[in-house]
Amino acid sequence: MSESAPGIFDPVSASVAVPRVPASSLSSAPCAPVQFTPSDIVHRDIVAWNGVKADEVKVMRRERYEVRSNAACHLLIMLEHAERDDGETVVDGLPRSTLRKLTGRLNFVPRGHYFYGWQKPRVLSRVTCFYIDPRGPLLDPELRFAETDFKPRLYFEDRDLWMIASKLKAQSGDTSPGNRQYAETLGILLAHELLRLNNGRAEERAFVRGGLAAWQKTRVADYLEERLGENVLLSSLAEVAGLSPFHFSRAFKQSFGVPPHRYLTTRRIEHAKTLLASREPSVTQIGMAVGFRETSSFTTAFRKHTGMTPTDYRRSAD
């Protein structure tokens, strides 16, 4: 039996149909985060990239709470640790669910679909909500992602989608250079996986058979070499090559043998080794010159590539 707090409309127990945002208003409706009631029952960390946001949510108390959403973006919920003693979840277009053991499952709520639930948690839940812009600027128009009529899904399992979502979540706490490129690539892959899931088959992905053309490879390499100290976006690299971000990522890896973010990190370390051959500037200044905001992140990356700290490498070069 559903419970409702006084004065709060509960679409689960109500006899009316769950509302849906009209298609004509979706372009202007905000992509608001999922609403929790009471709001102080959760701690949240939200990180935004180009076309996608990750919202890490931790429930702080084992007491009844409600959750609802109805936005103009797609919502993917990854339930990393979640179990309830009682509760219900509903998305318009699907039967309500009273499933109690939720860990390791996913929810997908297409834009404009009302999502509502209440629960008495058995454990302090940890979930990550991904807000995906249907018209994300990095998505290839040929995908017709914005025009796709996605089907909602409750408490399902999908290994590939979970893996990509987990990798994207992991980038939210990483401020190292190249991270934004990697996160943007994962965001694109997330969209492709959602299409694959919606189609009920492996999505047909365009494949750039020959990698980058010689002129593209030279232009991209020169562009990166001139910006070793900057935060280079995947979208900018794709524009230099005249490709969509998704096609560019595949072609780049085929041509250079590694993804763009890894290639950029390697070039930064190689340039740092050249700078460390002299006594000036300082290690901190060199780290900043090759795009590392913090000395600790520079040291970690340098050791990972060379097996030595920057200071030790400078000493060995004397």
Foldseek 3Di string as FASTA:
>chain_A
DDDDDPPDDDCVPDPDAFFFDDPVCLVPWALDDKDKVVNVQWDWDWDDAQFKIKIKIWGNDQAKMKIKDAHSWKKKKAWQAFFFPFKWKDKGPDDIDTDGGQHQFMWIHGHRIIIMMMGRTPDTTIMMMMTGNQPGPLEDVVVVSVVDDADTDDGHHDVVLNVLVVVLVVLRPDPAALSSQVNVQSSRVNSLVSVCVRVVHRDDDDADVQAADPVLVVQLVVVLLVPQLHRDHLCVSCVSRVHRSNRNQRSNCVVVVDGPSVVSLVSLLVVLLVVLLDPDDDLCVSCNNRHGPDSVSVQVSNCVVPVHGSVVSSVVSD
